[in-house]
Amino acid sequence: KRRIEEDELAVYTIFGEMNSIIYILKYSYLCMVTILFETYFYTTP
């Protein structure tokens, strides 16, 4: 029974890491898009 609990814990940590990675990717993507839009609007007269 203890082994099953450890496996569940490992699965939860893996899912948590995946969620944080996806969150970081989304955040960096949004930042990139914002910077691109700002530079585009500033460079065009």
PDB file of N, CA and C in Angstrom:
ATOM      1  N   LYS A   1       0.836  -1.201   0.000  1.00  0.00           N
ATOM      2  CA  LYS A   1       0.000   0.000   0.000  1.00  0.00           C
ATOM      3  C   LYS A   1       0.873   1.255   0.000  1.00  0.00           C
ATOM      4  N   ARG A   2       1.974   1.221   0.748  1.00  0.00           N
ATOM      5  CA  ARG A   2       2.831   2.404   0.824  1.00  0.00           C
ATOM      6  C   ARG A   2       3.450   2.710  -0.545  1.00  0.00           C
ATOM      7  N   ARG A   3       3.765   1.670  -1.297  1.00  0.00           N
ATOM      8  CA  ARG A   3       4.371   1.860  -2.614  1.00  0.00           C
ATOM      9  C   ARG A   3       3.402   2.607  -3.542  1.00  0.00           C
ATOM     10  N   ILE A   4       2.127   2.264  -3.459  1.00  0.00           N
ATOM     11  CA  ILE A   4       1.133   2.917  -4.312  1.00  0.00           C
ATOM     12  C   ILE A   4       1.050   4.399  -3.967  1.00  0.00           C
ATOM     13  N   GLU A   5       1.080   4.725  -2.689  1.00  0.00           N
ATOM     14  CA  GLU A   5       1.021   6.130  -2.282  1.00  0.00           C
ATOM     15  C   GLU A   5       2.227   6.892  -2.821  1.00  0.00           C
ATOM     16  N   GLU A   6       3.400   6.270  -2.781  1.00  0.00           N
ATOM     17  CA  GLU A   6       4.605   6.927  -3.304  1.00  0.00           C
ATOM     18  C   GLU A   6       4.475   7.166  -4.805  1.00  0.00           C
ATOM     19  N   ASP A   7       3.920   6.180  -5.524  1.00  0.00           N
ATOM     20  CA  ASP A   7       3.737   6.342  -6.965  1.00  0.00           C
ATOM     21  C   ASP A   7       2.776   7.492  -7.259  1.00  0.00           C
ATOM     22  N   GLU A   8       1.695   7.575  -6.484  1.00  0.00           N
ATOM     23  CA  GLU A   8       0.739   8.664  -6.691  1.00  0.00           C
ATOM     24  C   GLU A   8       1.409  10.010  -6.448  1.00  0.00           C
ATOM     25  N   LEU A   9       2.235  10.075  -5.411  1.00  0.00           N
ATOM     26  CA  LEU A   9       2.942  11.316  -5.099  1.00  0.00           C
ATOM     27  C   LEU A   9       3.861  11.705  -6.255  1.00  0.00           C
ATOM     28  N   ALA A  10       4.552  10.721  -6.828  1.00  0.00           N
ATOM     29  CA  ALA A  10       5.451  10.995  -7.949  1.00  0.00           C
ATOM     30  C   ALA A  10       4.656  11.523  -9.143  1.00  0.00           C
ATOM     31  N   VAL A  11       3.506  10.915  -9.409  1.00  0.00           N
ATOM     32  CA  VAL A  11       2.671  11.357 -10.528  1.00  0.00           C
ATOM     33  C   VAL A  11       2.210  12.791 -10.298  1.00  0.00           C
ATOM     34  N   TYR A  12       1.817  13.100  -9.052  1.00  0.00           N
ATOM     35  CA  TYR A  12       1.365  14.462  -8.747  1.00  0.00           C
ATOM     36  C   TYR A  12       2.490  15.466  -8.956  1.00  0.00           C
ATOM     37  N   THR A  13       3.709  15.129  -8.526  1.00  0.00           N
ATOM     38  CA  THR A  13       4.828  16.062  -8.688  1.00  0.00           C
ATOM     39  C   THR A  13       5.135  16.266 -10.166  1.00  0.00           C
ATOM     40  N   ILE A  14       5.059  15.184 -10.965  1.00  0.00           N
ATOM     41  CA  ILE A  14       5.326  15.298 -12.404  1.00  0.00           C
ATOM     42  C   ILE A  14       4.289  16.217 -13.047  1.00  0.00           C
ATOM     43  N   PHE A  15       3.010  16.023 -12.670  1.00  0.00           N
ATOM     44  CA  PHE A  15       1.958  16.877 -13.231  1.00  0.00           C
ATOM     45  C   PHE A  15       2.158  18.325 -12.806  1.00  0.00           C
ATOM     46  N   GLY A  16       2.567  18.531 -11.558  1.00  0.00           N
ATOM     47  CA  GLY A  16       2.817  19.884 -11.077  1.00  0.00           C
ATOM     48  C   GLY A  16       3.935  20.546 -11.863  1.00  0.00           C
ATOM     49  N   GLU A  17       5.005  19.794 -12.139  1.00  0.00           N
ATOM     50  CA  GLU A  17       6.117  20.357 -12.908  1.00  0.00           C
ATOM     51  C   GLU A  17       5.659  20.708 -14.321  1.00  0.00           C
ATOM     52  N   MET A  18       4.858  19.832 -14.933  1.00  0.00           N
ATOM     53  CA  MET A  18       4.356  20.092 -16.280  1.00  0.00           C
ATOM     54  C   MET A  18       3.502  21.355 -16.292  1.00  0.00           C
ATOM     55  N   ASN A  19       2.636  21.494 -15.276  1.00  0.00           N
ATOM     56  CA  ASN A  19       1.774  22.676 -15.203  1.00  0.00           C
ATOM     57  C   ASN A  19       2.604  23.941 -15.073  1.00  0.00           C
ATOM     58  N   SER A  20       3.641  23.911 -14.236  1.00  0.00           N
ATOM     59  CA  SER A  20       4.472  25.103 -14.048  1.00  0.00           C
ATOM     60  C   SER A  20       5.225  25.428 -15.338  1.00  0.00           C
ATOM     61  N   ILE A  21       5.693  24.395 -16.051  1.00  0.00           N
ATOM     62  CA  ILE A  21       6.408  24.629 -17.317  1.00  0.00           C
ATOM     63  C   ILE A  21       5.460  25.270 -18.332  1.00  0.00           C
ATOM     64  N   ILE A  22       4.231  24.744 -18.424  1.00  0.00           N
ATOM     65  CA  ILE A  22       3.248  25.297 -19.357  1.00  0.00           C
ATOM     66  C   ILE A  22       2.936  26.746 -18.982  1.00  0.00           C
ATOM     67  N   TYR A  23       2.827  27.008 -17.668  1.00  0.00           N
ATOM     68  CA  TYR A  23       2.536  28.368 -17.196  1.00  0.00           C
ATOM     69  C   TYR A  23       3.660  29.314 -17.600  1.00  0.00           C
ATOM     70  N   ILE A  24       4.913  28.858 -17.420  1.00  0.00           N
ATOM     71  CA  ILE A  24       6.075  29.688 -17.779  1.00  0.00           C
ATOM     72  C   ILE A  24       6.088  29.941 -19.290  1.00  0.00           C
ATOM     73  N   LEU A  25       5.781  28.895 -20.083  1.00  0.00           N
ATOM     74  CA  LEU A  25       5.773  29.049 -21.537  1.00  0.00           C
ATOM     75  C   LEU A  25       4.714  30.064 -21.961  1.00  0.00           C
ATOM     76  N   LYS A  26       3.513  29.944 -21.388  1.00  0.00           N
ATOM     77  CA  LYS A  26       2.444  30.890 -21.721  1.00  0.00           C
ATOM     78  C   LYS A  26       2.858  32.307 -21.353  1.00  0.00           C
ATOM     79  N   TYR A  27       3.444  32.471 -20.167  1.00  0.00           N
ATOM     80  CA  TYR A  27       3.826  33.800 -19.689  1.00  0.00           C
ATOM     81  C   TYR A  27       4.891  34.413 -20.595  1.00  0.00           C
ATOM     82  N   SER A  28       5.913  33.622 -20.947  1.00  0.00           N
ATOM     83  CA  SER A  28       6.984  34.141 -21.803  1.00  0.00           C
ATOM     84  C   SER A  28       6.436  34.460 -23.195  1.00  0.00           C
ATOM     85  N   TYR A  29       5.492  33.629 -23.683  1.00  0.00           N
ATOM     86  CA  TYR A  29       4.891  33.877 -24.995  1.00  0.00           C
ATOM     87  C   TYR A  29       4.123  35.195 -24.988  1.00  0.00           C
ATOM     88  N   LEU A  30       3.350  35.425 -23.919  1.00  0.00           N
ATOM     89  CA  LEU A  30       2.596  36.679 -23.810  1.00  0.00           C
ATOM     90  C   LEU A  30       3.550  37.868 -23.762  1.00  0.00           C
ATOM     91  N   CYS A  31       4.629  37.749 -23.007  1.00  0.00           N
ATOM     92  CA  CYS A  31       5.607  38.839 -22.910  1.00  0.00           C
ATOM     93  C   CYS A  31       6.211  39.125 -24.280  1.00  0.00           C
ATOM     94  N   MET A  32       6.552  38.055 -25.016  1.00  0.00           N
ATOM     95  CA  MET A  32       7.150  38.209 -26.334  1.00  0.00           C
ATOM     96  C   MET A  32       6.189  38.935 -27.269  1.00  0.00           C
ATOM     97  N   VAL A  33       4.923  38.506 -27.276  1.00  0.00           N
ATOM     98  CA  VAL A  33       3.925  39.126 -28.153  1.00  0.00           C
ATOM     99  C   VAL A  33       3.755  40.602 -27.799  1.00  0.00           C
ATOM    100  N   THR A  34       3.708  40.897 -26.507  1.00  0.00           N
ATOM    101  CA  THR A  34       3.541  42.291 -26.074  1.00  0.00           C
ATOM    102  C   THR A  34       4.715  43.140 -26.538  1.00  0.00           C
ATOM    103  N   ILE A  35       5.932  42.618 -26.369  1.00  0.00           N
ATOM    104  CA  ILE A  35       7.128  43.367 -26.777  1.00  0.00           C
ATOM    105  C   ILE A  35       7.120  43.580 -28.292  1.00  0.00           C
ATOM    106  N   LEU A  36       6.749  42.540 -29.046  1.00  0.00           N
ATOM    107  CA  LEU A  36       6.708  42.662 -30.502  1.00  0.00           C
ATOM    108  C   LEU A  36       5.698  43.724 -30.922  1.00  0.00           C
ATOM    109  N   PHE A  37       4.515  43.698 -30.313  1.00  0.00           N
ATOM    110  CA  PHE A  37       3.493  44.691 -30.650  1.00  0.00           C
ATOM    111  C   PHE A  37       3.967  46.096 -30.319  1.00  0.00           C
ATOM    112  N   GLU A  38       4.587  46.254 -29.138  1.00  0.00           N
ATOM    113  CA  GLU A  38       5.061  47.582 -28.732  1.00  0.00           C
ATOM    114  C   GLU A  38       6.116  48.098 -29.707  1.00  0.00           C
ATOM    115  N   THR A  39       7.087  47.256 -30.055  1.00  0.00           N
ATOM    116  CA  THR A  39       8.137  47.698 -30.979  1.00  0.00           C
ATOM    117  C   THR A  39       7.538  48.000 -32.348  1.00  0.00           C
ATOM    118  N   TYR A  40       6.582  47.186 -32.788  1.00  0.00           N
ATOM    119  CA  TYR A  40       5.959  47.405 -34.093  1.00  0.00           C
ATOM    120  C   TYR A  40       5.230  48.743 -34.126  1.00  0.00           C
ATOM    121  N   PHE A  41       4.448  49.023 -33.079  1.00  0.00           N
ATOM    122  CA  PHE A  41       3.686  50.274 -33.055  1.00  0.00           C
ATOM    123  C   PHE A  41       4.590  51.488 -32.872  1.00  0.00           C
ATOM    124  N   TYR A  42       5.707  51.308 -32.160  1.00  0.00           N
ATOM    125  CA  TYR A  42       6.608  52.448 -31.942  1.00  0.00           C
ATOM    126  C   TYR A  42       7.417  52.762 -33.199  1.00  0.00           C
ATOM    127  N   THR A  43       7.790  51.726 -33.964  1.00  0.00           N
ATOM    128  CA  THR A  43       8.620  51.957 -35.147  1.00  0.00           C
ATOM    129  C   THR A  43       7.790  52.502 -36.297  1.00  0.00           C
ATOM    130  N   THR A  44       6.515  52.094 -36.410  1.00  0.00           N
ATOM    131  CA  THR A  44       5.688  52.597 -37.507  1.00  0.00           C
ATOM    132  C   THR A  44       5.162  53.985 -37.164  1.00  0.00           C
ATOM    133  N   PRO A  45       5.303  54.953 -38.066  1.00  0.00           N
ATOM    134  CA  PRO A  45       4.866  56.331 -37.800  1.00  0.00           C
ATOM    135  C   PRO A  45       3.338  56.450 -37.816  1.00  0.00           C
TER     136      PRO A  45
END
